[in-house]
C-alpha atoms as a PDB file:
ATOM      1  CA  ASP A   1      19.332   1.347   1.158  1.00  0.00           C
ATOM      2  CA  PRO A   2      18.468   2.587  -2.355  1.00  0.00           C
ATOM      3  CA  VAL A   3      14.945   1.104  -2.209  1.00  0.00           C
ATOM      4  CA  VAL A   4      14.195   3.003   1.009  1.00  0.00           C
ATOM      5  CA  GLN A   5      15.584   6.219  -0.477  1.00  0.00           C
ATOM      6  CA  SER A   6      13.433   5.751  -3.596  1.00  0.00           C
ATOM      7  CA  LEU A   7      10.314   5.251  -1.453  1.00  0.00           C
ATOM      8  CA  LEU A   8      11.051   8.391   0.531  1.00  0.00           C
ATOM      9  CA  LYS A   9      11.736  10.430  -2.596  1.00  0.00           C
ATOM     10  CA  ASN A  10       8.487   9.411  -4.300  1.00  0.00           C
ATOM     11  CA  SER A  11       6.059   9.210  -1.360  1.00  0.00           C
ATOM     12  CA  THR A  12       4.020  12.104  -0.026  1.00  0.00           C
ATOM     13  CA  ILE A  13       2.696   9.828   2.748  1.00  0.00           C
ATOM     14  CA  LEU A  14       5.953   8.597   4.271  1.00  0.00           C
ATOM     15  CA  ASP A  15       7.245  12.193   4.541  1.00  0.00           C
ATOM     16  CA  ASP A  16      10.939  11.392   5.013  1.00  0.00           C
ATOM     17  CA  ASP A  17      10.101   8.768   7.652  1.00  0.00           C
ATOM     18  CA  THR A  18      13.033   6.411   7.123  1.00  0.00           C
ATOM     19  CA  ASP A  19      11.861   3.989   9.833  1.00  0.00           C
ATOM     20  CA  ASP A  20       8.453   3.449   8.203  1.00  0.00           C
ATOM     21  CA  ALA A  21      10.003   3.058   4.742  1.00  0.00           C
ATOM     22  CA  GLN A  22      12.529   0.540   6.074  1.00  0.00           C
ATOM     23  CA  GLN A  23       9.724  -1.381   7.802  1.00  0.00           C
ATOM     24  CA  LEU A  24       7.766  -1.610   4.532  1.00  0.00           C
ATOM     25  CA  VAL A  25      10.838  -2.840   2.657  1.00  0.00           C
ATOM     26  CA  GLU A  26      11.503  -5.406   5.395  1.00  0.00           C
ATOM     27  CA  TRP A  27       7.906  -6.703   5.281  1.00  0.00           C
ATOM     28  CA  MET A  28       8.087  -7.000   1.503  1.00  0.00           C
ATOM     29  CA  LYS A  29      11.599  -8.468   1.233  1.00  0.00           C
ATOM     30  CA  ASP A  30      10.346 -11.883   0.079  1.00  0.00           C
ATOM     31  CA  LYS A  31       7.988 -10.409  -2.519  1.00  0.00           C
ATOM     32  CA  LYS A  32       9.264 -10.060  -6.053  1.00  0.00           C
ATOM     33  CA  PHE A  33       8.066  -6.721  -7.382  1.00  0.00           C
ATOM     34  CA  GLY A  34       9.357  -3.224  -8.014  1.00  0.00           C
ATOM     35  CA  TRP A  35       8.284  -0.151  -6.073  1.00  0.00           C
ATOM     36  CA  GLN A  36       6.468   2.182  -8.430  1.00  0.00           C
ATOM     37  CA  ILE A  37       3.609   4.578  -7.723  1.00  0.00           C
ATOM     38  CA  CYS A  38       0.619   3.652  -9.871  1.00  0.00           C
ATOM     39  CA  TYR A  39      -1.937   5.950  -8.208  1.00  0.00           C
ATOM     40  CA  ARG A  40      -1.904   9.127  -6.157  1.00  0.00           C
ATOM     41  CA  ALA A  41      -5.354  10.475  -5.237  1.00  0.00           C
ATOM     42  CA  SER A  42      -4.157  14.083  -5.107  1.00  0.00           C
ATOM     43  CA  GLU A  43      -3.066  13.790  -8.759  1.00  0.00           C
ATOM     44  CA  ASP A  44      -5.250  11.027 -10.232  1.00  0.00           C
ATOM     45  CA  GLY A  45      -8.615  11.697  -8.566  1.00  0.00           C
ATOM     46  CA  TRP A  46     -10.308  10.646  -5.347  1.00  0.00           C
ATOM     47  CA  GLY A  47     -12.980   8.285  -6.709  1.00  0.00           C
ATOM     48  CA  SER A  48     -12.939   4.501  -6.791  1.00  0.00           C
ATOM     49  CA  ALA A  49     -13.138   4.628 -10.604  1.00  0.00           C
ATOM     50  CA  ASP A  50      -9.977   6.774 -10.604  1.00  0.00           C
ATOM     51  CA  PHE A  51      -8.214   4.227  -8.393  1.00  0.00           C
ATOM     52  CA  HIS A  52      -9.288   1.262 -10.519  1.00  0.00           C
ATOM     53  CA  ARG A  53      -8.372   3.019 -13.774  1.00  0.00           C
ATOM     54  CA  LYS A  54      -4.784   3.301 -12.540  1.00  0.00           C
ATOM     55  CA  CYS A  55      -4.408   0.144 -10.414  1.00  0.00           C
ATOM     56  CA  ASP A  56      -6.431  -2.637 -12.033  1.00  0.00           C
ATOM     57  CA  ASP A  57      -4.359  -5.429 -13.565  1.00  0.00           C
ATOM     58  CA  VAL A  58      -0.970  -4.054 -12.465  1.00  0.00           C
ATOM     59  CA  GLY A  59      -0.113  -7.051 -10.277  1.00  0.00           C
ATOM     60  CA  PRO A  60       0.875  -7.001  -6.593  1.00  0.00           C
ATOM     61  CA  THR A  61       0.384  -3.684  -4.813  1.00  0.00           C
ATOM     62  CA  VAL A  62       1.127  -1.997  -1.525  1.00  0.00           C
ATOM     63  CA  THR A  63      -1.514   0.598  -0.720  1.00  0.00           C
ATOM     64  CA  LEU A  64      -0.831   3.436   1.731  1.00  0.00           C
ATOM     65  CA  ILE A  65      -3.562   5.791   2.909  1.00  0.00           C
ATOM     66  CA  LYS A  66      -3.152   8.853   5.090  1.00  0.00           C
ATOM     67  CA  CYS A  67      -6.096  10.295   7.005  1.00  0.00           C
ATOM     68  CA  GLY A  68      -5.086  13.122   9.311  1.00  0.00           C
ATOM     69  CA  THR A  69      -2.028  11.829  11.147  1.00  0.00           C
ATOM     70  CA  ASN A  70      -3.033   8.181  10.725  1.00  0.00           C
ATOM     71  CA  VAL A  71      -1.378   6.082   8.053  1.00  0.00           C
ATOM     72  CA  PHE A  72      -2.649   2.629   7.187  1.00  0.00           C
ATOM     73  CA  GLY A  73      -2.484   0.343   4.243  1.00  0.00           C
ATOM     74  CA  GLY A  74      -2.302  -3.097   2.833  1.00  0.00           C
ATOM     75  CA  PHE A  75      -0.638  -5.518   0.474  1.00  0.00           C
ATOM     76  CA  THR A  76      -2.193  -7.875  -2.009  1.00  0.00           C
ATOM     77  CA  ASP A  77      -0.395 -10.244  -4.335  1.00  0.00           C
ATOM     78  CA  GLN A  78      -3.469 -10.214  -6.588  1.00  0.00           C
ATOM     79  CA  SER A  79      -4.266  -7.583  -9.198  1.00  0.00           C
ATOM     80  CA  TRP A  80      -7.058  -5.168  -8.353  1.00  0.00           C
ATOM     81  CA  LYS A  81     -10.273  -5.591 -10.369  1.00  0.00           C
ATOM     82  CA  VAL A  82     -13.327  -3.366 -10.554  1.00  0.00           C
ATOM     83  CA  SER A  83     -15.484  -6.463 -11.065  1.00  0.00           C
ATOM     84  CA  GLY A  84     -15.169 -10.215 -11.198  1.00  0.00           C
ATOM     85  CA  PRO A  85     -14.653 -12.865  -8.555  1.00  0.00           C
ATOM     86  CA  CYS A  86     -13.443 -11.806  -5.134  1.00  0.00           C
ATOM     87  CA  VAL A  87     -10.194 -13.260  -3.869  1.00  0.00           C
ATOM     88  CA  GLN A  88      -8.670 -13.835  -0.463  1.00  0.00           C
ATOM     89  CA  THR A  89      -5.721 -11.599   0.188  1.00  0.00           C
ATOM     90  CA  VAL A  90      -3.202 -10.738   2.859  1.00  0.00           C
ATOM     91  CA  PHE A  91      -3.158  -7.203   4.191  1.00  0.00           C
ATOM     92  CA  ILE A  92      -0.628  -5.329   6.256  1.00  0.00           C
ATOM     93  CA  THR A  93      -2.392  -2.930   8.553  1.00  0.00           C
ATOM     94  CA  ALA A  94      -0.711  -0.090  10.374  1.00  0.00           C
ATOM     95  CA  GLN A  95      -2.665   2.345  12.483  1.00  0.00           C
ATOM     96  CA  ASN A  96      -1.069   5.649  13.360  1.00  0.00           C
ATOM     97  CA  CYS A  97       2.334   4.460  12.152  1.00  0.00           C
ATOM     98  CA  VAL A  98       3.811   7.943  12.347  1.00  0.00           C
ATOM     99  CA  ASP A  99       3.333   7.978  16.123  1.00  0.00           C
ATOM    100  CA  ASN A 100       3.386   4.276  16.966  1.00  0.00           C
ATOM    101  CA  ARG A 101       6.062   1.785  15.956  1.00  0.00           C
ATOM    102  CA  ASP A 102       4.014  -1.202  17.169  1.00  0.00           C
ATOM    103  CA  LEU A 103       2.696  -1.990  13.712  1.00  0.00           C
ATOM    104  CA  ALA A 104       0.679  -5.106  13.028  1.00  0.00           C
ATOM    105  CA  ILE A 105       0.557  -7.561  10.176  1.00  0.00           C
ATOM    106  CA  GLU A 106      -2.826  -9.219   9.986  1.00  0.00           C
ATOM    107  CA  ARG A 107      -4.433 -11.671   7.627  1.00  0.00           C
ATOM    108  CA  ILE A 108      -7.888 -10.624   6.516  1.00  0.00           C
ATOM    109  CA  ASP A 109      -9.970 -13.655   5.559  1.00  0.00           C
ATOM    110  CA  ASN A 110     -12.942 -11.862   4.080  1.00  0.00           C
ATOM    111  CA  LYS A 111     -13.979 -12.606   0.528  1.00  0.00           C
ATOM    112  CA  THR A 112     -15.588  -9.224  -0.033  1.00  0.00           C
ATOM    113  CA  TYR A 113     -12.405  -7.489  -1.234  1.00  0.00           C
ATOM    114  CA  ARG A 114     -11.633  -7.070  -4.931  1.00  0.00           C
END
């Protein structure tokens, strides 16, 4: 799959993990957006202002975060905003996805996310 290969080529988090990349593509198959990296903390800065400078108003995003060997993330069909009204969103959460294929998709109904 060319989308999976593109994800693997451009991601420092997925680290050639074809199964995880395929799972992300499968989860997102009904979403209409292209896969493009808009922010990488190791290159763009680690602060929230750095994140928002690169990600605000870009439309739907998949966010992947790696902490040690744990990888987790989320999806929102709303653009990120540094301020303004909060919106409900749907997140994909995956704990320790490198070691555990039992990933979960959960809806987060908390209006504190921007």
